Amino acid sequence: MIRYPIKILAGFLIVFLLILVLSFYFLGTKVSNFTFNLFQSVGLSSFYNLSGLEDVIIDAANFRSLSNKLSQQEEENRKLSSDISRLLFLKRENEILQKALNISKFLEVRSIPAGVFSFISTPSDSVFLINKGSNDGVEVNDGVLSIEGILAGQVIEISERYSKVMAVDDLDFKTTILTQEKGISGIARGSLSGNMVMEFVSENEDIIEGEVVVTSGNDFLPGGIVLGKIGLVKTEAGGLFKEVRIDPGIKNIKLSNVVVIKK
């Protein structure tokens, strides 16, 4: 684009020289001098105008080039951001798979990593849905743990691609448990109050608050899975059993990924 003003200027000079020669030949020296001075004035003015036009064209070309570079940079930034997000996602997936593998080794069971995509809580129910179903090997009564290995619930319904899980605080949830230190056994039930109830703890048992509670392995779950801690112990005069409350470990965890375990 910069060549066009130069071509115009060159054409102007050729015409100027031709007119100068003709004026000198036919009209004499004075007229030719006048013609020269006239064309000199006009030529310089045109030259400066064309030079200014050339500068404008150069600026426009530079602006267009800069705009194209900025567009390319923005596209590269978007691609880089997408690549980073993908790498972070893959890193997270790898961490989840590694934790699921660790759980499998520790409990000596087969595990299936899954994602949580919906929670449903009513006055009588506490359930959530996971994105794995019968096509992935999930079955009714399979246990469900957080990726940290804390008991989260039990599979109660399945379809091909997703499953419904009854959370540990659901009124219908129950599992056999024991305290980790003293081995005091009982049954844990959901209560929808944010806590769980440990039933059938004799008045004679020396159970203490803060003790870790794990599954005993006498039902659908393997033994040794952490459920929570003893949160409250009450003794009633003349009663056969103590009132014991459990703080489930899962209530302090944001469930986004879980591990389905098969006994």
C-alpha atoms as a PDB file:
ATOM      1  CA  MET A   1       0.000   0.000   0.000  1.00  0.00           C
ATOM      2  CA  ILE A   2       2.956   2.413   0.572  1.00  0.00           C
ATOM      3  CA  ARG A   3       4.044   2.087  -3.131  1.00  0.00           C
ATOM      4  CA  TYR A   4       1.003   3.886  -4.610  1.00  0.00           C
ATOM      5  CA  PRO A   5       1.893   7.476  -3.502  1.00  0.00           C
ATOM      6  CA  ILE A   6       5.438   6.979  -4.812  1.00  0.00           C
ATOM      7  CA  LYS A   7       4.070   5.901  -8.201  1.00  0.00           C
ATOM      8  CA  ILE A   8       1.832   8.984  -8.305  1.00  0.00           C
ATOM      9  CA  LEU A   9       4.781  11.251  -7.492  1.00  0.00           C
ATOM     10  CA  ALA A  10       6.925   9.606 -10.180  1.00  0.00           C
ATOM     11  CA  GLY A  11       4.148  10.129 -12.751  1.00  0.00           C
ATOM     12  CA  PHE A  12       3.824  13.757 -11.724  1.00  0.00           C
ATOM     13  CA  LEU A  13       7.564  14.354 -12.243  1.00  0.00           C
ATOM     14  CA  ILE A  14       7.478  12.765 -15.693  1.00  0.00           C
ATOM     15  CA  VAL A  15       4.592  15.036 -16.769  1.00  0.00           C
ATOM     16  CA  PHE A  16       6.400  18.041 -15.282  1.00  0.00           C
ATOM     17  CA  LEU A  17       9.591  17.324 -17.247  1.00  0.00           C
ATOM     18  CA  LEU A  18       7.622  16.813 -20.456  1.00  0.00           C
ATOM     19  CA  ILE A  19       5.763  20.125 -20.093  1.00  0.00           C
ATOM     20  CA  LEU A  20       8.995  21.932 -19.209  1.00  0.00           C
ATOM     21  CA  VAL A  21      10.750  20.653 -22.333  1.00  0.00           C
ATOM     22  CA  LEU A  22       7.801  21.557 -24.567  1.00  0.00           C
ATOM     23  CA  SER A  23       7.403  25.026 -23.050  1.00  0.00           C
ATOM     24  CA  PHE A  24      11.114  25.733 -23.528  1.00  0.00           C
ATOM     25  CA  TYR A  25      11.036  24.520 -27.109  1.00  0.00           C
ATOM     26  CA  PHE A  26       7.911  26.422 -28.208  1.00  0.00           C
ATOM     27  CA  LEU A  27       7.633  29.423 -25.824  1.00  0.00           C
ATOM     28  CA  GLY A  28      11.106  30.325 -24.786  1.00  0.00           C
ATOM     29  CA  THR A  29      13.137  30.640 -21.659  1.00  0.00           C
ATOM     30  CA  LYS A  30      10.936  33.038 -19.590  1.00  0.00           C
ATOM     31  CA  VAL A  31       7.838  30.986 -20.045  1.00  0.00           C
ATOM     32  CA  SER A  32       9.749  27.841 -19.298  1.00  0.00           C
ATOM     33  CA  ASN A  33      11.154  29.447 -16.106  1.00  0.00           C
ATOM     34  CA  PHE A  34       7.632  30.427 -15.104  1.00  0.00           C
ATOM     35  CA  THR A  35       6.456  26.923 -15.832  1.00  0.00           C
ATOM     36  CA  PHE A  36       9.314  25.503 -13.827  1.00  0.00           C
ATOM     37  CA  ASN A  37       8.576  27.733 -10.838  1.00  0.00           C
ATOM     38  CA  LEU A  38       4.867  26.914 -11.047  1.00  0.00           C
ATOM     39  CA  PHE A  39       5.399  23.211 -11.215  1.00  0.00           C
ATOM     40  CA  GLN A  40       8.055  23.444  -8.509  1.00  0.00           C
ATOM     41  CA  SER A  41       5.572  25.065  -6.182  1.00  0.00           C
ATOM     42  CA  VAL A  42       2.764  22.695  -7.085  1.00  0.00           C
ATOM     43  CA  GLY A  43       5.092  19.702  -7.033  1.00  0.00           C
ATOM     44  CA  LEU A  44       6.428  20.451  -3.585  1.00  0.00           C
ATOM     45  CA  SER A  45       2.948  20.992  -2.284  1.00  0.00           C
ATOM     46  CA  SER A  46       1.807  17.721  -3.839  1.00  0.00           C
ATOM     47  CA  PHE A  47       4.862  15.980  -2.522  1.00  0.00           C
ATOM     48  CA  TYR A  48       4.137  17.109   1.023  1.00  0.00           C
ATOM     49  CA  ASN A  49       0.473  16.139   0.654  1.00  0.00           C
ATOM     50  CA  LEU A  50       1.405  12.742  -0.704  1.00  0.00           C
ATOM     51  CA  SER A  51       3.943  12.291   2.082  1.00  0.00           C
ATOM     52  CA  GLY A  52       1.253  13.057   4.659  1.00  0.00           C
ATOM     53  CA  LEU A  53      -1.082  10.623   2.944  1.00  0.00           C
ATOM     54  CA  GLU A  54       1.677   8.048   3.002  1.00  0.00           C
ATOM     55  CA  ASP A  55       2.099   8.573   6.768  1.00  0.00           C
ATOM     56  CA  VAL A  56      -1.634   8.078   7.294  1.00  0.00           C
ATOM     57  CA  ILE A  57      -1.569   4.884   5.266  1.00  0.00           C
ATOM     58  CA  ILE A  58       1.442   3.640   7.220  1.00  0.00           C
ATOM     59  CA  ASP A  59      -0.298   4.410  10.532  1.00  0.00           C
ATOM     60  CA  ALA A  60      -3.433   2.599   9.376  1.00  0.00           C
ATOM     61  CA  ALA A  61      -1.391  -0.428   8.343  1.00  0.00           C
ATOM     62  CA  ASN A  62       0.434  -0.429  11.682  1.00  0.00           C
ATOM     63  CA  PHE A  63      -2.873  -0.151  13.558  1.00  0.00           C
ATOM     64  CA  ARG A  64      -4.329  -3.056  11.593  1.00  0.00           C
ATOM     65  CA  SER A  65      -1.224  -5.130  12.255  1.00  0.00           C
ATOM     66  CA  LEU A  66      -1.386  -4.311  15.983  1.00  0.00           C
ATOM     67  CA  SER A  67      -5.095  -5.174  16.087  1.00  0.00           C
ATOM     68  CA  ASN A  68      -4.406  -8.534  14.451  1.00  0.00           C
ATOM     69  CA  LYS A  69      -1.639  -9.245  16.967  1.00  0.00           C
ATOM     70  CA  LEU A  70      -3.948  -8.380  19.876  1.00  0.00           C
ATOM     71  CA  SER A  71      -6.638 -10.692  18.485  1.00  0.00           C
ATOM     72  CA  GLN A  72      -4.094 -13.495  18.158  1.00  0.00           C
ATOM     73  CA  GLN A  73      -2.896 -12.858  21.724  1.00  0.00           C
ATOM     74  CA  GLU A  74      -6.457 -12.993  23.075  1.00  0.00           C
ATOM     75  CA  GLU A  75      -7.045 -16.283  21.270  1.00  0.00           C
ATOM     76  CA  GLU A  76      -3.813 -17.709  22.695  1.00  0.00           C
ATOM     77  CA  ASN A  77      -4.839 -16.556  26.206  1.00  0.00           C
ATOM     78  CA  ARG A  78      -8.232 -18.258  25.865  1.00  0.00           C
ATOM     79  CA  LYS A  79      -6.576 -21.481  24.720  1.00  0.00           C
ATOM     80  CA  LEU A  80      -4.064 -21.301  27.581  1.00  0.00           C
ATOM     81  CA  SER A  81      -6.868 -20.767  30.108  1.00  0.00           C
ATOM     82  CA  SER A  82      -8.736 -23.760  28.669  1.00  0.00           C
ATOM     83  CA  ASP A  83      -5.602 -25.920  28.831  1.00  0.00           C
ATOM     84  CA  ILE A  84      -4.978 -24.936  32.466  1.00  0.00           C
ATOM     85  CA  SER A  85      -8.576 -25.760  33.402  1.00  0.00           C
ATOM     86  CA  ARG A  86      -8.263 -29.126  31.690  1.00  0.00           C
ATOM     87  CA  LEU A  87      -5.004 -29.902  33.500  1.00  0.00           C
ATOM     88  CA  LEU A  88      -6.533 -28.970  36.866  1.00  0.00           C
ATOM     89  CA  PHE A  89      -9.523 -31.202  36.115  1.00  0.00           C
ATOM     90  CA  LEU A  90      -7.271 -34.127  35.183  1.00  0.00           C
ATOM     91  CA  LYS A  91      -5.195 -33.550  38.321  1.00  0.00           C
ATOM     92  CA  ARG A  92      -8.347 -33.643  40.437  1.00  0.00           C
ATOM     93  CA  GLU A  93      -9.545 -36.813  38.706  1.00  0.00           C
ATOM     94  CA  ASN A  94      -6.176 -38.456  39.278  1.00  0.00           C
ATOM     95  CA  GLU A  95      -6.273 -37.537  42.978  1.00  0.00           C
ATOM     96  CA  ILE A  96      -9.770 -39.023  43.321  1.00  0.00           C
ATOM     97  CA  LEU A  97      -8.725 -42.245  41.588  1.00  0.00           C
ATOM     98  CA  GLN A  98      -5.654 -42.495  43.819  1.00  0.00           C
ATOM     99  CA  LYS A  99      -7.752 -42.056  46.964  1.00  0.00           C
ATOM    100  CA  ALA A 100     -10.272 -44.623  45.726  1.00  0.00           C
ATOM    101  CA  LEU A 101      -7.394 -47.044  45.138  1.00  0.00           C
ATOM    102  CA  ASN A 102      -6.075 -46.401  48.644  1.00  0.00           C
ATOM    103  CA  ILE A 103      -9.520 -47.112  50.114  1.00  0.00           C
ATOM    104  CA  SER A 104      -9.742 -50.337  48.108  1.00  0.00           C
ATOM    105  CA  LYS A 105      -6.376 -51.489  49.397  1.00  0.00           C
ATOM    106  CA  PHE A 106      -7.111 -50.537  53.007  1.00  0.00           C
ATOM    107  CA  LEU A 107     -10.556 -52.172  53.148  1.00  0.00           C
ATOM    108  CA  GLU A 108      -9.674 -54.946  50.688  1.00  0.00           C
ATOM    109  CA  VAL A 109     -12.765 -54.226  48.594  1.00  0.00           C
ATOM    110  CA  ARG A 110     -13.512 -53.111  45.045  1.00  0.00           C
ATOM    111  CA  SER A 111     -14.261 -49.409  44.699  1.00  0.00           C
ATOM    112  CA  ILE A 112     -16.008 -47.258  42.073  1.00  0.00           C
ATOM    113  CA  PRO A 113     -15.317 -43.470  42.014  1.00  0.00           C
ATOM    114  CA  ALA A 114     -18.448 -41.356  41.464  1.00  0.00           C
ATOM    115  CA  GLY A 115     -19.588 -37.747  41.411  1.00  0.00           C
ATOM    116  CA  VAL A 116     -22.445 -36.273  43.453  1.00  0.00           C
ATOM    117  CA  PHE A 117     -24.872 -34.137  41.444  1.00  0.00           C
ATOM    118  CA  SER A 118     -27.997 -33.678  43.587  1.00  0.00           C
ATOM    119  CA  PHE A 119     -29.036 -33.567  47.259  1.00  0.00           C
ATOM    120  CA  ILE A 120     -32.605 -34.167  48.413  1.00  0.00           C
ATOM    121  CA  SER A 121     -33.559 -33.376  52.008  1.00  0.00           C
ATOM    122  CA  THR A 122     -37.081 -33.609  53.472  1.00  0.00           C
ATOM    123  CA  PRO A 123     -38.410 -33.943  57.052  1.00  0.00           C
ATOM    124  CA  SER A 124     -38.105 -37.725  56.736  1.00  0.00           C
ATOM    125  CA  ASP A 125     -35.459 -38.315  54.042  1.00  0.00           C
ATOM    126  CA  SER A 126     -31.857 -37.387  53.402  1.00  0.00           C
ATOM    127  CA  VAL A 127     -30.572 -38.722  50.068  1.00  0.00           C
ATOM    128  CA  PHE A 128     -28.267 -37.740  47.237  1.00  0.00           C
ATOM    129  CA  LEU A 129     -27.679 -38.901  43.669  1.00  0.00           C
ATOM    130  CA  ILE A 130     -24.422 -40.103  42.122  1.00  0.00           C
ATOM    131  CA  ASN A 131     -23.460 -40.386  38.463  1.00  0.00           C
ATOM    132  CA  LYS A 132     -22.713 -44.114  38.472  1.00  0.00           C
ATOM    133  CA  GLY A 133     -25.237 -46.951  38.110  1.00  0.00           C
ATOM    134  CA  SER A 134     -25.652 -50.567  37.127  1.00  0.00           C
ATOM    135  CA  ASN A 135     -23.620 -50.039  33.945  1.00  0.00           C
ATOM    136  CA  ASP A 136     -20.667 -49.245  36.203  1.00  0.00           C
ATOM    137  CA  GLY A 137     -21.190 -52.169  38.574  1.00  0.00           C
ATOM    138  CA  VAL A 138     -23.077 -50.318  41.338  1.00  0.00           C
ATOM    139  CA  GLU A 139     -25.617 -52.428  43.263  1.00  0.00           C
ATOM    140  CA  VAL A 140     -28.222 -51.854  45.956  1.00  0.00           C
ATOM    141  CA  ASN A 141     -26.731 -51.939  49.491  1.00  0.00           C
ATOM    142  CA  ASP A 142     -23.272 -50.893  48.329  1.00  0.00           C
ATOM    143  CA  GLY A 143     -21.611 -48.558  50.811  1.00  0.00           C
ATOM    144  CA  VAL A 144     -20.701 -45.003  49.835  1.00  0.00           C
ATOM    145  CA  LEU A 145     -17.712 -43.140  51.302  1.00  0.00           C
ATOM    146  CA  SER A 146     -16.273 -39.679  50.882  1.00  0.00           C
ATOM    147  CA  ILE A 147     -12.914 -39.639  49.099  1.00  0.00           C
ATOM    148  CA  GLU A 148     -11.390 -39.105  52.552  1.00  0.00           C
ATOM    149  CA  GLY A 149     -12.771 -42.522  53.591  1.00  0.00           C
ATOM    150  CA  ILE A 150     -15.631 -41.303  55.819  1.00  0.00           C
ATOM    151  CA  LEU A 151     -18.933 -43.196  55.641  1.00  0.00           C
ATOM    152  CA  ALA A 152     -21.512 -41.165  53.685  1.00  0.00           C
ATOM    153  CA  GLY A 153     -24.392 -43.574  53.060  1.00  0.00           C
ATOM    154  CA  GLN A 154     -25.805 -46.652  51.380  1.00  0.00           C
ATOM    155  CA  VAL A 155     -27.059 -47.225  47.829  1.00  0.00           C
ATOM    156  CA  ILE A 156     -30.847 -47.814  47.890  1.00  0.00           C
ATOM    157  CA  GLU A 157     -31.879 -47.444  44.227  1.00  0.00           C
ATOM    158  CA  ILE A 158     -30.046 -47.843  40.934  1.00  0.00           C
ATOM    159  CA  SER A 159     -30.577 -47.168  37.260  1.00  0.00           C
ATOM    160  CA  GLU A 160     -28.206 -47.754  34.382  1.00  0.00           C
ATOM    161  CA  ARG A 161     -26.376 -44.445  34.737  1.00  0.00           C
ATOM    162  CA  TYR A 162     -27.072 -43.100  38.220  1.00  0.00           C
ATOM    163  CA  SER A 163     -27.951 -44.240  41.732  1.00  0.00           C
ATOM    164  CA  LYS A 164     -29.768 -42.920  44.794  1.00  0.00           C
ATOM    165  CA  VAL A 165     -27.865 -42.986  48.068  1.00  0.00           C
ATOM    166  CA  MET A 166     -29.428 -42.838  51.543  1.00  0.00           C
ATOM    167  CA  ALA A 167     -27.235 -40.537  53.656  1.00  0.00           C
ATOM    168  CA  VAL A 168     -26.141 -41.555  57.147  1.00  0.00           C
ATOM    169  CA  ASP A 169     -28.454 -38.989  58.782  1.00  0.00           C
ATOM    170  CA  ASP A 170     -31.580 -40.400  57.079  1.00  0.00           C
ATOM    171  CA  LEU A 171     -34.138 -41.824  59.529  1.00  0.00           C
ATOM    172  CA  ASP A 172     -33.992 -45.242  57.841  1.00  0.00           C
ATOM    173  CA  PHE A 173     -30.201 -45.539  57.822  1.00  0.00           C
ATOM    174  CA  LYS A 174     -28.607 -47.940  60.271  1.00  0.00           C
ATOM    175  CA  THR A 175     -25.385 -49.880  60.577  1.00  0.00           C
ATOM    176  CA  THR A 176     -23.526 -51.866  63.214  1.00  0.00           C
ATOM    177  CA  ILE A 177     -20.648 -49.988  64.832  1.00  0.00           C
ATOM    178  CA  LEU A 178     -18.124 -50.026  67.657  1.00  0.00           C
ATOM    179  CA  THR A 179     -15.922 -47.487  69.371  1.00  0.00           C
ATOM    180  CA  GLN A 180     -12.352 -47.574  68.187  1.00  0.00           C
ATOM    181  CA  GLU A 181     -10.627 -47.400  71.583  1.00  0.00           C
ATOM    182  CA  LYS A 182     -12.731 -49.575  73.865  1.00  0.00           C
ATOM    183  CA  GLY A 183     -14.581 -51.661  71.299  1.00  0.00           C
ATOM    184  CA  ILE A 184     -18.049 -50.838  72.675  1.00  0.00           C
ATOM    185  CA  SER A 185     -20.585 -52.037  70.115  1.00  0.00           C
ATOM    186  CA  GLY A 186     -24.009 -50.781  69.140  1.00  0.00           C
ATOM    187  CA  ILE A 187     -26.198 -49.721  66.229  1.00  0.00           C
ATOM    188  CA  ALA A 188     -25.961 -46.282  64.633  1.00  0.00           C
ATOM    189  CA  ARG A 189     -29.173 -44.734  63.262  1.00  0.00           C
ATOM    190  CA  GLY A 190     -29.869 -41.507  61.415  1.00  0.00           C
ATOM    191  CA  SER A 191     -31.846 -38.779  63.133  1.00  0.00           C
ATOM    192  CA  LEU A 192     -32.164 -35.863  60.645  1.00  0.00           C
ATOM    193  CA  SER A 193     -30.852 -33.533  63.347  1.00  0.00           C
ATOM    194  CA  GLY A 194     -27.334 -33.359  62.002  1.00  0.00           C
ATOM    195  CA  ASN A 195     -26.306 -36.100  64.424  1.00  0.00           C
ATOM    196  CA  MET A 196     -26.821 -39.854  64.713  1.00  0.00           C
ATOM    197  CA  VAL A 197     -27.965 -42.041  67.576  1.00  0.00           C
ATOM    198  CA  MET A 198     -25.942 -44.956  68.949  1.00  0.00           C
ATOM    199  CA  GLU A 199     -28.429 -47.486  70.279  1.00  0.00           C
ATOM    200  CA  PHE A 200     -28.122 -50.344  72.787  1.00  0.00           C
ATOM    201  CA  VAL A 201     -25.214 -48.979  74.799  1.00  0.00           C
ATOM    202  CA  SER A 202     -25.557 -50.472  78.263  1.00  0.00           C
ATOM    203  CA  GLU A 203     -25.494 -48.290  81.361  1.00  0.00           C
ATOM    204  CA  ASN A 204     -22.497 -50.296  82.487  1.00  0.00           C
ATOM    205  CA  GLU A 205     -20.404 -49.390  79.424  1.00  0.00           C
ATOM    206  CA  ASP A 206     -17.721 -46.750  80.025  1.00  0.00           C
ATOM    207  CA  ILE A 207     -18.210 -44.861  76.762  1.00  0.00           C
ATOM    208  CA  ILE A 208     -16.697 -41.375  76.527  1.00  0.00           C
ATOM    209  CA  GLU A 209     -17.285 -38.307  74.379  1.00  0.00           C
ATOM    210  CA  GLY A 210     -14.804 -37.725  71.557  1.00  0.00           C
ATOM    211  CA  GLU A 211     -14.107 -41.416  70.923  1.00  0.00           C
ATOM    212  CA  VAL A 212     -13.963 -42.412  67.235  1.00  0.00           C
ATOM    213  CA  VAL A 213     -16.725 -44.689  65.956  1.00  0.00           C
ATOM    214  CA  VAL A 214     -16.159 -47.173  63.095  1.00  0.00           C
ATOM    215  CA  THR A 215     -18.207 -49.827  61.349  1.00  0.00           C
ATOM    216  CA  SER A 216     -17.992 -53.297  62.867  1.00  0.00           C
ATOM    217  CA  GLY A 217     -18.340 -55.285  59.623  1.00  0.00           C
ATOM    218  CA  ASN A 218     -21.380 -57.263  60.793  1.00  0.00           C
ATOM    219  CA  ASP A 219     -23.703 -56.019  58.043  1.00  0.00           C
ATOM    220  CA  PHE A 220     -23.527 -54.660  54.483  1.00  0.00           C
ATOM    221  CA  LEU A 221     -20.351 -52.653  55.206  1.00  0.00           C
ATOM    222  CA  PRO A 222     -16.772 -53.795  55.739  1.00  0.00           C
ATOM    223  CA  GLY A 223     -15.341 -53.175  59.208  1.00  0.00           C
ATOM    224  CA  GLY A 224     -13.070 -50.261  60.063  1.00  0.00           C
ATOM    225  CA  ILE A 225     -14.829 -47.447  58.147  1.00  0.00           C
ATOM    226  CA  VAL A 226     -14.893 -44.213  60.153  1.00  0.00           C
ATOM    227  CA  LEU A 227     -18.422 -42.967  60.873  1.00  0.00           C
ATOM    228  CA  GLY A 228     -17.695 -40.115  63.256  1.00  0.00           C
ATOM    229  CA  LYS A 229     -17.102 -39.372  66.937  1.00  0.00           C
ATOM    230  CA  ILE A 230     -19.131 -39.704  70.117  1.00  0.00           C
ATOM    231  CA  GLY A 231     -20.622 -36.254  70.632  1.00  0.00           C
ATOM    232  CA  LEU A 232     -22.864 -36.684  73.680  1.00  0.00           C
ATOM    233  CA  VAL A 233     -23.338 -39.285  76.436  1.00  0.00           C
ATOM    234  CA  LYS A 234     -26.247 -39.128  78.879  1.00  0.00           C
ATOM    235  CA  THR A 235     -27.147 -41.503  81.678  1.00  0.00           C
ATOM    236  CA  GLU A 236     -30.734 -41.872  82.887  1.00  0.00           C
ATOM    237  CA  ALA A 237     -31.391 -43.044  86.435  1.00  0.00           C
ATOM    238  CA  GLY A 238     -32.913 -46.514  86.378  1.00  0.00           C
ATOM    239  CA  GLY A 239     -32.477 -46.893  82.609  1.00  0.00           C
ATOM    240  CA  LEU A 240     -31.001 -49.888  80.837  1.00  0.00           C
ATOM    241  CA  PHE A 241     -29.203 -47.962  78.096  1.00  0.00           C
ATOM    242  CA  LYS A 242     -27.314 -44.713  77.830  1.00  0.00           C
ATOM    243  CA  GLU A 243     -28.336 -41.956  75.425  1.00  0.00           C
ATOM    244  CA  VAL A 244     -25.427 -41.620  73.033  1.00  0.00           C
ATOM    245  CA  ARG A 245     -25.157 -39.182  70.122  1.00  0.00           C
ATOM    246  CA  ILE A 246     -22.678 -39.446  67.262  1.00  0.00           C
ATOM    247  CA  ASP A 247     -21.315 -36.515  65.279  1.00  0.00           C
ATOM    248  CA  PRO A 248     -20.995 -37.985  61.755  1.00  0.00           C
ATOM    249  CA  GLY A 249     -17.720 -37.053  60.087  1.00  0.00           C
ATOM    250  CA  ILE A 250     -19.488 -36.457  56.792  1.00  0.00           C
ATOM    251  CA  LYS A 251     -21.298 -33.340  58.026  1.00  0.00           C
ATOM    252  CA  ASN A 252     -18.011 -31.396  57.964  1.00  0.00           C
ATOM    253  CA  ILE A 253     -17.217 -32.458  54.395  1.00  0.00           C
ATOM    254  CA  LYS A 254     -18.560 -30.926  51.180  1.00  0.00           C
ATOM    255  CA  LEU A 255     -19.555 -33.957  49.123  1.00  0.00           C
ATOM    256  CA  SER A 256     -18.694 -33.534  45.480  1.00  0.00           C
ATOM    257  CA  ASN A 257     -16.983 -36.845  44.850  1.00  0.00           C
ATOM    258  CA  VAL A 258     -17.504 -40.191  46.579  1.00  0.00           C
ATOM    259  CA  VAL A 259     -16.345 -43.796  46.385  1.00  0.00           C
ATOM    260  CA  VAL A 260     -18.786 -46.694  46.108  1.00  0.00           C
ATOM    261  CA  ILE A 261     -17.435 -49.782  47.867  1.00  0.00           C
ATOM    262  CA  LYS A 262     -18.482 -53.386  47.377  1.00  0.00           C
ATOM    263  CA  LYS A 263     -18.088 -55.761  50.317  1.00  0.00           C
END
